[in-house]
């Protein structure tokens, strides 16, 4: 894969992992340890990922600029 796709791939993986973890915690807290928990979690995760992925695509460039404005730049010494 061409390196120009790296930011998109990063956003895809980041949103997938984060939504997986957060939806899992939220699902267990909301539903408890029910027998059909994996299916409930899967449904919650897919819905969360469908929202998280486009949000990360849009928000990541703004966050990069914010972080760059807060971090001291190296002078190259």
C-alpha atoms as a PDB file:
ATOM      1  CA  UNK A   1       0.000   0.000   0.000  1.00  0.00           C
ATOM      2  CA  UNK A   2       1.256   3.460  -0.861  1.00  0.00           C
ATOM      3  CA  UNK A   3       2.447   5.578   2.115  1.00  0.00           C
ATOM      4  CA  UNK A   4      -0.012   8.356   1.250  1.00  0.00           C
ATOM      5  CA  UNK A   5      -2.763   6.111   2.639  1.00  0.00           C
ATOM      6  CA  UNK A   6      -1.080   5.843   6.060  1.00  0.00           C
ATOM      7  CA  UNK A   7      -3.183   8.552   7.782  1.00  0.00           C
ATOM      8  CA  UNK A   8      -6.400   6.914   6.586  1.00  0.00           C
ATOM      9  CA  UNK A   9      -5.265   3.470   7.667  1.00  0.00           C
ATOM     10  CA  UNK A  10      -4.193   4.884  11.025  1.00  0.00           C
ATOM     11  CA  UNK A  11      -7.632   6.491  11.494  1.00  0.00           C
ATOM     12  CA  UNK A  12      -9.383   3.273  10.511  1.00  0.00           C
ATOM     13  CA  UNK A  13      -7.420   1.171  13.011  1.00  0.00           C
ATOM     14  CA  UNK A  14      -7.505   3.760  15.794  1.00  0.00           C
ATOM     15  CA  UNK A  15     -11.259   4.235  15.549  1.00  0.00           C
ATOM     16  CA  UNK A  16     -11.780   0.464  15.356  1.00  0.00           C
ATOM     17  CA  UNK A  17      -9.720  -0.345  18.443  1.00  0.00           C
ATOM     18  CA  UNK A  18     -11.001   2.559  20.516  1.00  0.00           C
ATOM     19  CA  UNK A  19     -14.666   1.963  19.672  1.00  0.00           C
ATOM     20  CA  UNK A  20     -14.204  -1.769  20.372  1.00  0.00           C
ATOM     21  CA  UNK A  21     -12.856  -1.122  23.870  1.00  0.00           C
ATOM     22  CA  UNK A  22     -15.241   1.691  24.795  1.00  0.00           C
ATOM     23  CA  UNK A  23     -18.335  -0.073  23.447  1.00  0.00           C
ATOM     24  CA  UNK A  24     -17.323  -3.223  25.324  1.00  0.00           C
ATOM     25  CA  UNK A  25     -17.071  -1.394  28.627  1.00  0.00           C
ATOM     26  CA  UNK A  26     -20.327   0.485  28.026  1.00  0.00           C
ATOM     27  CA  UNK A  27     -22.142  -2.688  26.951  1.00  0.00           C
ATOM     28  CA  UNK A  28     -21.076  -4.659  30.019  1.00  0.00           C
ATOM     29  CA  UNK A  29     -22.082  -1.770  32.271  1.00  0.00           C
ATOM     30  CA  UNK A  30     -25.470  -1.398  30.574  1.00  0.00           C
ATOM     31  CA  UNK A  31     -26.408  -5.045  29.976  1.00  0.00           C
ATOM     32  CA  UNK A  32     -24.334  -6.875  32.559  1.00  0.00           C
ATOM     33  CA  UNK A  33     -22.761 -10.262  31.944  1.00  0.00           C
ATOM     34  CA  UNK A  34     -25.700 -11.670  29.997  1.00  0.00           C
ATOM     35  CA  UNK A  35     -25.425 -14.904  27.966  1.00  0.00           C
ATOM     36  CA  UNK A  36     -25.768 -13.081  24.635  1.00  0.00           C
ATOM     37  CA  UNK A  37     -23.202 -10.381  25.549  1.00  0.00           C
ATOM     38  CA  UNK A  38     -20.890 -11.026  22.570  1.00  0.00           C
ATOM     39  CA  UNK A  39     -23.724 -10.344  20.100  1.00  0.00           C
ATOM     40  CA  UNK A  40     -24.925  -7.260  21.966  1.00  0.00           C
ATOM     41  CA  UNK A  41     -21.329  -6.004  22.101  1.00  0.00           C
ATOM     42  CA  UNK A  42     -20.766  -6.702  18.399  1.00  0.00           C
ATOM     43  CA  UNK A  43     -23.852  -4.710  17.450  1.00  0.00           C
ATOM     44  CA  UNK A  44     -22.831  -1.828  19.731  1.00  0.00           C
ATOM     45  CA  UNK A  45     -19.286  -1.901  18.385  1.00  0.00           C
ATOM     46  CA  UNK A  46     -20.278  -1.818  14.717  1.00  0.00           C
ATOM     47  CA  UNK A  47     -22.602   1.105  15.367  1.00  0.00           C
ATOM     48  CA  UNK A  48     -19.895   2.907  17.344  1.00  0.00           C
ATOM     49  CA  UNK A  49     -17.273   2.271  14.678  1.00  0.00           C
ATOM     50  CA  UNK A  50     -19.576   3.578  11.969  1.00  0.00           C
ATOM     51  CA  UNK A  51     -19.672   6.876  13.867  1.00  0.00           C
ATOM     52  CA  UNK A  52     -16.091   6.917  15.192  1.00  0.00           C
ATOM     53  CA  UNK A  53     -14.286   6.330  11.904  1.00  0.00           C
ATOM     54  CA  UNK A  54     -15.603   9.377  10.023  1.00  0.00           C
ATOM     55  CA  UNK A  55     -15.224  11.483  13.177  1.00  0.00           C
ATOM     56  CA  UNK A  56     -11.542  10.514  13.460  1.00  0.00           C
ATOM     57  CA  UNK A  57     -11.003  11.330   9.768  1.00  0.00           C
ATOM     58  CA  UNK A  58     -12.378  14.830  10.369  1.00  0.00           C
ATOM     59  CA  UNK A  59     -11.004  15.542  13.853  1.00  0.00           C
ATOM     60  CA  UNK A  60      -7.472  14.082  13.545  1.00  0.00           C
ATOM     61  CA  UNK A  61      -6.041  16.934  11.419  1.00  0.00           C
ATOM     62  CA  UNK A  62      -7.390  19.495  13.899  1.00  0.00           C
ATOM     63  CA  UNK A  63      -5.905  17.572  16.825  1.00  0.00           C
ATOM     64  CA  UNK A  64      -2.528  17.346  15.043  1.00  0.00           C
ATOM     65  CA  UNK A  65      -2.516  21.129  14.575  1.00  0.00           C
ATOM     66  CA  UNK A  66      -3.527  21.685  18.202  1.00  0.00           C
ATOM     67  CA  UNK A  67      -0.756  19.402  19.461  1.00  0.00           C
ATOM     68  CA  UNK A  68       1.786  21.029  17.134  1.00  0.00           C
ATOM     69  CA  UNK A  69       0.862  24.445  18.530  1.00  0.00           C
ATOM     70  CA  UNK A  70       1.394  23.216  22.099  1.00  0.00           C
ATOM     71  CA  UNK A  71       4.667  21.338  21.607  1.00  0.00           C
ATOM     72  CA  UNK A  72       8.009  23.044  21.298  1.00  0.00           C
ATOM     73  CA  UNK A  73       9.539  22.496  17.875  1.00  0.00           C
ATOM     74  CA  UNK A  74      13.109  21.150  17.657  1.00  0.00           C
ATOM     75  CA  UNK A  75      15.659  23.513  16.126  1.00  0.00           C
ATOM     76  CA  UNK A  76      17.624  20.749  14.419  1.00  0.00           C
ATOM     77  CA  UNK A  77      20.779  20.940  16.534  1.00  0.00           C
END
